[in-house]
Structures are given as C-alpha cells and as structure tokens.
Amino acid sequence: MSQEQQMFLQAIDSFKRANGVNFPTWTDVLEVVRRLGYRKTATSELNFSGKVQDWTEAADAPSRLGFGEEIDAPQRYRKAG
C-alpha cells in the first residue's frame, strides 16, 4: 500500500471514529479529501456528457468547507460535551 493510500485510509478512519459513523457519505469523503490538501488543478479525464461543468482551481485554493466558507475544523469532527 502506498503512503498516499495509507494517509487516506487513516484520515477516513479518524473521520469515522470522530463522528461515530461506519459508512461516511460521499460528501464526507470529499471533505476528508479536501482537508488532506487535494484540489482540482487539472481538467477531468472523465466524460460527463455535459451533465457537469468541469473547472480547475489554484493549488493553494481554500477548501471551501461549511457552505462555501473556510473553517478551521469540520463541525462534525467536534463531539458535543
């Protein structure tokens, strides 16, 4: 397993433990990926048949989590109490 795969699995596992979920949603997975630092800097290699407009962003673009605003930590990661 590559270092990248190990980091991704650790991040997903941490998310699941912090939120008490066994199966994160795709939105949750995207949040984890963006928090790992991934950004869409290249055009897509997939064909969406005009259903989705492709875009790119700067490598240092904010993660834009929490309804379009940059936040310090995911609200779901913070346990009440």
PDB file of N, CA and C in Angstrom:
ATOM      1  N   MET A   1       0.855  -1.177   0.000  1.00  0.00           N
ATOM      2  CA  MET A   1       0.000   0.000   0.000  1.00  0.00           C
ATOM      3  C   MET A   1       0.901   1.241   0.000  1.00  0.00           C
ATOM      4  N   SER A   2       0.556   2.207  -0.829  1.00  0.00           N
ATOM      5  CA  SER A   2       1.378   3.418  -0.928  1.00  0.00           C
ATOM      6  C   SER A   2       1.163   4.322   0.292  1.00  0.00           C
ATOM      7  N   GLN A   3       2.068   5.273   0.461  1.00  0.00           N
ATOM      8  CA  GLN A   3       1.950   6.244   1.549  1.00  0.00           C
ATOM      9  C   GLN A   3       0.670   7.062   1.394  1.00  0.00           C
ATOM     10  N   GLU A   4       0.331   7.403   0.150  1.00  0.00           N
ATOM     11  CA  GLU A   4      -0.886   8.161  -0.120  1.00  0.00           C
ATOM     12  C   GLU A   4      -2.127   7.374   0.297  1.00  0.00           C
ATOM     13  N   GLN A   5      -2.162   6.091  -0.030  1.00  0.00           N
ATOM     14  CA  GLN A   5      -3.295   5.243   0.356  1.00  0.00           C
ATOM     15  C   GLN A   5      -3.384   5.107   1.870  1.00  0.00           C
ATOM     16  N   GLN A   6      -2.269   4.934   2.528  1.00  0.00           N
ATOM     17  CA  GLN A   6      -2.255   4.811   3.988  1.00  0.00           C
ATOM     18  C   GLN A   6      -2.786   6.079   4.650  1.00  0.00           C
ATOM     19  N   MET A   7      -2.348   7.245   4.154  1.00  0.00           N
ATOM     20  CA  MET A   7      -2.808   8.512   4.722  1.00  0.00           C
ATOM     21  C   MET A   7      -4.313   8.673   4.521  1.00  0.00           C
ATOM     22  N   PHE A   8      -4.809   8.332   3.332  1.00  0.00           N
ATOM     23  CA  PHE A   8      -6.235   8.450   3.046  1.00  0.00           C
ATOM     24  C   PHE A   8      -7.040   7.541   3.972  1.00  0.00           C
ATOM     25  N   LEU A   9      -6.621   6.289   4.106  1.00  0.00           N
ATOM     26  CA  LEU A   9      -7.342   5.355   4.983  1.00  0.00           C
ATOM     27  C   LEU A   9      -7.325   5.820   6.429  1.00  0.00           C
ATOM     28  N   GLN A  10      -6.199   6.361   6.891  1.00  0.00           N
ATOM     29  CA  GLN A  10      -6.111   6.876   8.261  1.00  0.00           C
ATOM     30  C   GLN A  10      -7.049   8.067   8.445  1.00  0.00           C
ATOM     31  N   ALA A  11      -7.107   8.940   7.445  1.00  0.00           N
ATOM     32  CA  ALA A  11      -7.993  10.103   7.535  1.00  0.00           C
ATOM     33  C   ALA A  11      -9.456   9.676   7.571  1.00  0.00           C
ATOM     34  N   ILE A  12      -9.831   8.721   6.736  1.00  0.00           N
ATOM     35  CA  ILE A  12     -11.213   8.223   6.745  1.00  0.00           C
ATOM     36  C   ILE A  12     -11.527   7.549   8.073  1.00  0.00           C
ATOM     37  N   ASP A  13     -10.614   6.734   8.581  1.00  0.00           N
ATOM     38  CA  ASP A  13     -10.818   6.063   9.862  1.00  0.00           C
ATOM     39  C   ASP A  13     -10.974   7.089  10.992  1.00  0.00           C
ATOM     40  N   SER A  14     -10.156   8.124  10.989  1.00  0.00           N
ATOM     41  CA  SER A  14     -10.269   9.174  12.003  1.00  0.00           C
ATOM     42  C   SER A  14     -11.617   9.875  11.916  1.00  0.00           C
ATOM     43  N   PHE A  15     -12.057  10.150  10.684  1.00  0.00           N
ATOM     44  CA  PHE A  15     -13.355  10.782  10.490  1.00  0.00           C
ATOM     45  C   PHE A  15     -14.472   9.909  11.061  1.00  0.00           C
ATOM     46  N   LYS A  16     -14.425   8.617  10.746  1.00  0.00           N
ATOM     47  CA  LYS A  16     -15.473   7.696  11.208  1.00  0.00           C
ATOM     48  C   LYS A  16     -15.507   7.620  12.734  1.00  0.00           C
ATOM     49  N   ARG A  17     -14.345   7.535  13.373  1.00  0.00           N
ATOM     50  CA  ARG A  17     -14.304   7.462  14.836  1.00  0.00           C
ATOM     51  C   ARG A  17     -14.795   8.760  15.474  1.00  0.00           C
ATOM     52  N   ALA A  18     -14.367   9.893  14.922  1.00  0.00           N
ATOM     53  CA  ALA A  18     -14.751  11.189  15.485  1.00  0.00           C
ATOM     54  C   ALA A  18     -16.239  11.457  15.355  1.00  0.00           C
ATOM     55  N   ASN A  19     -16.857  10.874  14.330  1.00  0.00           N
ATOM     56  CA  ASN A  19     -18.273  11.141  14.064  1.00  0.00           C
ATOM     57  C   ASN A  19     -19.195   9.987  14.398  1.00  0.00           C
ATOM     58  N   GLY A  20     -18.625   8.873  14.845  1.00  0.00           N
ATOM     59  CA  GLY A  20     -19.448   7.725  15.212  1.00  0.00           C
ATOM     60  C   GLY A  20     -20.221   7.139  14.055  1.00  0.00           C
ATOM     61  N   VAL A  21     -19.613   7.131  12.879  1.00  0.00           N
ATOM     62  CA  VAL A  21     -20.270   6.552  11.706  1.00  0.00           C
ATOM     63  C   VAL A  21     -19.407   5.436  11.132  1.00  0.00           C
ATOM     64  N   ASN A  22     -20.051   4.412  10.604  1.00  0.00           N
ATOM     65  CA  ASN A  22     -19.324   3.322   9.959  1.00  0.00           C
ATOM     66  C   ASN A  22     -19.178   3.536   8.460  1.00  0.00           C
ATOM     67  N   PHE A  23     -20.111   4.289   7.878  1.00  0.00           N
ATOM     68  CA  PHE A  23     -20.138   4.481   6.436  1.00  0.00           C
ATOM     69  C   PHE A  23     -20.286   5.964   6.120  1.00  0.00           C
ATOM     70  N   PRO A  24     -19.170   6.664   5.889  1.00  0.00           N
ATOM     71  CA  PRO A  24     -19.269   8.089   5.552  1.00  0.00           C
ATOM     72  C   PRO A  24     -19.968   8.281   4.209  1.00  0.00           C
ATOM     73  N   THR A  25     -20.666   9.399   4.079  1.00  0.00           N
ATOM     74  CA  THR A  25     -21.308   9.734   2.813  1.00  0.00           C
ATOM     75  C   THR A  25     -20.239  10.177   1.815  1.00  0.00           C
ATOM     76  N   TRP A  26     -20.609  10.283   0.549  1.00  0.00           N
ATOM     77  CA  TRP A  26     -19.660  10.770  -0.447  1.00  0.00           C
ATOM     78  C   TRP A  26     -19.258  12.211  -0.152  1.00  0.00           C
ATOM     79  N   THR A  27     -20.180  12.996   0.400  1.00  0.00           N
ATOM     80  CA  THR A  27     -19.855  14.364   0.798  1.00  0.00           C
ATOM     81  C   THR A  27     -18.802  14.353   1.900  1.00  0.00           C
ATOM     82  N   ASP A  28     -18.933  13.436   2.848  1.00  0.00           N
ATOM     83  CA  ASP A  28     -17.931  13.293   3.903  1.00  0.00           C
ATOM     84  C   ASP A  28     -16.571  12.929   3.315  1.00  0.00           C
ATOM     85  N   VAL A  29     -16.561  12.002   2.361  1.00  0.00           N
ATOM     86  CA  VAL A  29     -15.304  11.567   1.731  1.00  0.00           C
ATOM     87  C   VAL A  29     -14.655  12.745   1.011  1.00  0.00           C
ATOM     88  N   LEU A  30     -15.453  13.531   0.297  1.00  0.00           N
ATOM     89  CA  LEU A  30     -14.913  14.702  -0.392  1.00  0.00           C
ATOM     90  C   LEU A  30     -14.327  15.693   0.619  1.00  0.00           C
ATOM     91  N   GLU A  31     -14.995  15.877   1.742  1.00  0.00           N
ATOM     92  CA  GLU A  31     -14.480  16.767   2.786  1.00  0.00           C
ATOM     93  C   GLU A  31     -13.121  16.277   3.279  1.00  0.00           C
ATOM     94  N   VAL A  32     -12.998  15.003   3.550  1.00  0.00           N
ATOM     95  CA  VAL A  32     -11.728  14.441   4.011  1.00  0.00           C
ATOM     96  C   VAL A  32     -10.648  14.653   2.956  1.00  0.00           C
ATOM     97  N   VAL A  33     -10.978  14.382   1.701  1.00  0.00           N
ATOM     98  CA  VAL A  33     -10.010  14.542   0.611  1.00  0.00           C
ATOM     99  C   VAL A  33      -9.527  15.990   0.527  1.00  0.00           C
ATOM    100  N   ARG A  34     -10.448  16.943   0.611  1.00  0.00           N
ATOM    101  CA  ARG A  34     -10.061  18.356   0.538  1.00  0.00           C
ATOM    102  C   ARG A  34      -9.250  18.755   1.755  1.00  0.00           C
ATOM    103  N   ARG A  35      -9.581  18.209   2.915  1.00  0.00           N
ATOM    104  CA  ARG A  35      -8.812  18.527   4.124  1.00  0.00           C
ATOM    105  C   ARG A  35      -7.412  17.921   4.079  1.00  0.00           C
ATOM    106  N   LEU A  36      -7.239  16.869   3.295  1.00  0.00           N
ATOM    107  CA  LEU A  36      -5.903  16.309   3.088  1.00  0.00           C
ATOM    108  C   LEU A  36      -5.064  17.207   2.177  1.00  0.00           C
ATOM    109  N   GLY A  37      -5.697  18.165   1.516  1.00  0.00           N
ATOM    110  CA  GLY A  37      -4.974  19.113   0.681  1.00  0.00           C
ATOM    111  C   GLY A  37      -5.180  18.957  -0.806  1.00  0.00           C
ATOM    112  N   TYR A  38      -6.015  18.019  -1.201  1.00  0.00           N
ATOM    113  CA  TYR A  38      -6.251  17.822  -2.628  1.00  0.00           C
ATOM    114  C   TYR A  38      -7.124  18.938  -3.184  1.00  0.00           C
ATOM    115  N   ARG A  39      -6.747  19.426  -4.367  1.00  0.00           N
ATOM    116  CA  ARG A  39      -7.503  20.448  -5.064  1.00  0.00           C
ATOM    117  C   ARG A  39      -7.635  20.030  -6.520  1.00  0.00           C
ATOM    118  N   LYS A  40      -8.625  20.568  -7.213  1.00  0.00           N
ATOM    119  CA  LYS A  40      -8.858  20.230  -8.621  1.00  0.00           C
ATOM    120  C   LYS A  40      -8.053  21.191  -9.485  1.00  0.00           C
ATOM    121  N   THR A  41      -6.834  20.792  -9.828  1.00  0.00           N
ATOM    122  CA  THR A  41      -5.927  21.667 -10.558  1.00  0.00           C
ATOM    123  C   THR A  41      -5.780  21.291 -12.036  1.00  0.00           C
ATOM    124  N   ALA A  42      -6.374  20.197 -12.450  1.00  0.00           N
ATOM    125  CA  ALA A  42      -6.282  19.753 -13.844  1.00  0.00           C
ATOM    126  C   ALA A  42      -7.681  19.477 -14.376  1.00  0.00           C
ATOM    127  N   THR A  43      -7.817  19.538 -15.691  1.00  0.00           N
ATOM    128  CA  THR A  43      -9.107  19.199 -16.276  1.00  0.00           C
ATOM    129  C   THR A  43      -9.360  17.700 -16.084  1.00  0.00           C
ATOM    130  N   SER A  44     -10.619  17.352 -16.051  1.00  0.00           N
ATOM    131  CA  SER A  44     -11.009  15.979 -15.792  1.00  0.00           C
ATOM    132  C   SER A  44     -10.669  15.062 -16.969  1.00  0.00           C
ATOM    133  N   GLU A  45     -10.339  13.834 -16.661  1.00  0.00           N
ATOM    134  CA  GLU A  45     -10.126  12.808 -17.681  1.00  0.00           C
ATOM    135  C   GLU A  45     -11.405  12.007 -17.920  1.00  0.00           C
ATOM    136  N   LEU A  46     -12.478  12.364 -17.239  1.00  0.00           N
ATOM    137  CA  LEU A  46     -13.763  11.679 -17.366  1.00  0.00           C
ATOM    138  C   LEU A  46     -14.681  12.473 -18.279  1.00  0.00           C
ATOM    139  N   ASN A  47     -15.577  11.789 -18.961  1.00  0.00           N
ATOM    140  CA  ASN A  47     -16.548  12.424 -19.836  1.00  0.00           C
ATOM    141  C   ASN A  47     -17.900  12.450 -19.121  1.00  0.00           C
ATOM    142  N   PHE A  48     -18.364  13.646 -18.790  1.00  0.00           N
ATOM    143  CA  PHE A  48     -19.632  13.787 -18.079  1.00  0.00           C
ATOM    144  C   PHE A  48     -20.806  14.058 -19.008  1.00  0.00           C
ATOM    145  N   SER A  49     -20.604  14.036 -20.306  1.00  0.00           N
ATOM    146  CA  SER A  49     -21.655  14.232 -21.313  1.00  0.00           C
ATOM    147  C   SER A  49     -22.456  15.507 -21.076  1.00  0.00           C
ATOM    148  N   GLY A  50     -21.785  16.566 -20.668  1.00  0.00           N
ATOM    149  CA  GLY A  50     -22.456  17.845 -20.487  1.00  0.00           C
ATOM    150  C   GLY A  50     -23.307  17.949 -19.236  1.00  0.00           C
ATOM    151  N   LYS A  51     -23.326  16.927 -18.374  1.00  0.00           N
ATOM    152  CA  LYS A  51     -24.156  16.952 -17.169  1.00  0.00           C
ATOM    153  C   LYS A  51     -23.525  17.795 -16.067  1.00  0.00           C
ATOM    154  N   VAL A  52     -22.195  17.887 -16.076  1.00  0.00           N
ATOM    155  CA  VAL A  52     -21.466  18.638 -15.061  1.00  0.00           C
ATOM    156  C   VAL A  52     -20.430  19.498 -15.758  1.00  0.00           C
ATOM    157  N   GLN A  53     -20.319  20.747 -15.343  1.00  0.00           N
ATOM    158  CA  GLN A  53     -19.323  21.637 -15.925  1.00  0.00           C
ATOM    159  C   GLN A  53     -17.982  21.427 -15.229  1.00  0.00           C
ATOM    160  N   ASP A  54     -16.946  21.195 -15.980  1.00  0.00           N
ATOM    161  CA  ASP A  54     -15.606  20.997 -15.433  1.00  0.00           C
ATOM    162  C   ASP A  54     -15.011  22.348 -15.034  1.00  0.00           C
ATOM    163  N   TRP A  55     -14.075  22.339 -14.125  1.00  0.00           N
ATOM    164  CA  TRP A  55     -13.389  23.545 -13.690  1.00  0.00           C
ATOM    165  C   TRP A  55     -12.026  23.148 -13.135  1.00  0.00           C
ATOM    166  N   THR A  56     -11.194  24.140 -12.887  1.00  0.00           N
ATOM    167  CA  THR A  56      -9.934  23.937 -12.177  1.00  0.00           C
ATOM    168  C   THR A  56      -9.805  25.051 -11.153  1.00  0.00           C
ATOM    169  N   GLU A  57      -8.907  24.857 -10.202  1.00  0.00           N
ATOM    170  CA  GLU A  57      -8.678  25.864  -9.171  1.00  0.00           C
ATOM    171  C   GLU A  57      -7.189  25.897  -8.855  1.00  0.00           C
ATOM    172  N   ALA A  58      -6.756  26.947  -8.204  1.00  0.00           N
ATOM    173  CA  ALA A  58      -5.350  27.072  -7.824  1.00  0.00           C
ATOM    174  C   ALA A  58      -5.002  26.002  -6.788  1.00  0.00           C
ATOM    175  N   ALA A  59      -3.760  25.559  -6.817  1.00  0.00           N
ATOM    176  CA  ALA A  59      -3.314  24.527  -5.875  1.00  0.00           C
ATOM    177  C   ALA A  59      -3.451  24.979  -4.426  1.00  0.00           C
ATOM    178  N   ASP A  60      -3.386  26.269  -4.186  1.00  0.00           N
ATOM    179  CA  ASP A  60      -3.496  26.779  -2.814  1.00  0.00           C
ATOM    180  C   ASP A  60      -4.893  27.329  -2.501  1.00  0.00           C
ATOM    181  N   ALA A  61      -5.888  26.940  -3.285  1.00  0.00           N
ATOM    182  CA  ALA A  61      -7.263  27.388  -3.048  1.00  0.00           C
ATOM    183  C   ALA A  61      -7.758  26.886  -1.702  1.00  0.00           C
ATOM    184  N   PRO A  62      -8.587  27.683  -1.007  1.00  0.00           N
ATOM    185  CA  PRO A  62      -9.149  27.217   0.266  1.00  0.00           C
ATOM    186  C   PRO A  62     -10.055  26.007   0.045  1.00  0.00           C
ATOM    187  N   SER A  63     -10.248  25.222   1.079  1.00  0.00           N
ATOM    188  CA  SER A  63     -11.055  24.011   0.939  1.00  0.00           C
ATOM    189  C   SER A  63     -12.530  24.312   0.733  1.00  0.00           C
ATOM    190  N   ARG A  64     -12.981  25.484   1.142  1.00  0.00           N
ATOM    191  CA  ARG A  64     -14.375  25.917   0.984  1.00  0.00           C
ATOM    192  C   ARG A  64     -15.348  24.895   1.573  1.00  0.00           C
ATOM    193  N   LEU A  65     -15.099  24.554   2.813  1.00  0.00           N
ATOM    194  CA  LEU A  65     -15.979  23.630   3.515  1.00  0.00           C
ATOM    195  C   LEU A  65     -16.937  24.427   4.379  1.00  0.00           C
ATOM    196  N   GLY A  66     -18.072  23.862   4.694  1.00  0.00           N
ATOM    197  CA  GLY A  66     -19.034  24.561   5.541  1.00  0.00           C
ATOM    198  C   GLY A  66     -19.803  25.619   4.774  1.00  0.00           C
ATOM    199  N   PHE A  67     -20.453  25.237   3.707  1.00  0.00           N
ATOM    200  CA  PHE A  67     -21.307  26.131   2.920  1.00  0.00           C
ATOM    201  C   PHE A  67     -20.519  27.263   2.294  1.00  0.00           C
ATOM    202  N   GLY A  68     -19.388  26.932   1.700  1.00  0.00           N
ATOM    203  CA  GLY A  68     -18.632  27.906   0.945  1.00  0.00           C
ATOM    204  C   GLY A  68     -17.659  28.739   1.758  1.00  0.00           C
ATOM    205  N   GLU A  69     -17.564  28.505   3.063  1.00  0.00           N
ATOM    206  CA  GLU A  69     -16.641  29.275   3.883  1.00  0.00           C
ATOM    207  C   GLU A  69     -15.531  28.374   4.385  1.00  0.00           C
ATOM    208  N   GLU A  70     -14.356  28.934   4.501  1.00  0.00           N
ATOM    209  CA  GLU A  70     -13.225  28.204   5.073  1.00  0.00           C
ATOM    210  C   GLU A  70     -13.444  28.119   6.579  1.00  0.00           C
ATOM    211  N   ILE A  71     -13.311  26.949   7.149  1.00  0.00           N
ATOM    212  CA  ILE A  71     -13.452  26.770   8.588  1.00  0.00           C
ATOM    213  C   ILE A  71     -12.241  26.026   9.109  1.00  0.00           C
ATOM    214  N   ASP A  72     -11.934  26.208  10.382  1.00  0.00           N
ATOM    215  CA  ASP A  72     -10.732  25.617  10.969  1.00  0.00           C
ATOM    216  C   ASP A  72     -10.811  24.111  11.102  1.00  0.00           C
ATOM    217  N   ALA A  73     -11.940  23.594  11.532  1.00  0.00           N
ATOM    218  CA  ALA A  73     -12.106  22.145  11.702  1.00  0.00           C
ATOM    219  C   ALA A  73     -13.542  21.789  11.375  1.00  0.00           C
ATOM    220  N   PRO A  74     -13.754  20.610  10.822  1.00  0.00           N
ATOM    221  CA  PRO A  74     -15.127  20.234  10.481  1.00  0.00           C
ATOM    222  C   PRO A  74     -16.028  20.213  11.709  1.00  0.00           C
ATOM    223  N   GLN A  75     -17.185  20.784  11.588  1.00  0.00           N
ATOM    224  CA  GLN A  75     -18.124  20.794  12.708  1.00  0.00           C
ATOM    225  C   GLN A  75     -18.451  19.371  13.141  1.00  0.00           C
ATOM    226  N   ARG A  76     -18.550  18.450  12.206  1.00  0.00           N
ATOM    227  CA  ARG A  76     -18.903  17.077  12.545  1.00  0.00           C
ATOM    228  C   ARG A  76     -17.783  16.383  13.318  1.00  0.00           C
ATOM    229  N   TYR A  77     -16.543  16.890  13.214  1.00  0.00           N
ATOM    230  CA  TYR A  77     -15.441  16.268  13.936  1.00  0.00           C
ATOM    231  C   TYR A  77     -15.506  16.607  15.421  1.00  0.00           C
ATOM    232  N   ARG A  78     -16.184  17.677  15.773  1.00  0.00           N
ATOM    233  CA  ARG A  78     -16.227  18.111  17.168  1.00  0.00           C
ATOM    234  C   ARG A  78     -17.370  17.426  17.890  1.00  0.00           C
ATOM    235  N   LYS A  79     -17.022  16.666  18.894  1.00  0.00           N
ATOM    236  CA  LYS A  79     -18.051  15.983  19.675  1.00  0.00           C
ATOM    237  C   LYS A  79     -18.643  16.936  20.704  1.00  0.00           C
ATOM    238  N   ALA A  80     -19.936  16.806  20.928  1.00  0.00           N
ATOM    239  CA  ALA A  80     -20.602  17.638  21.936  1.00  0.00           C
ATOM    240  C   ALA A  80     -20.164  17.201  23.323  1.00  0.00           C
ATOM    241  N   GLY A  81     -20.151  18.181  24.221  1.00  0.00           N
ATOM    242  CA  GLY A  81     -19.859  17.827  25.617  1.00  0.00           C
ATOM    243  C   GLY A  81     -18.592  18.229  26.079  1.00  0.00           C
TER     244      GLY A  81
END
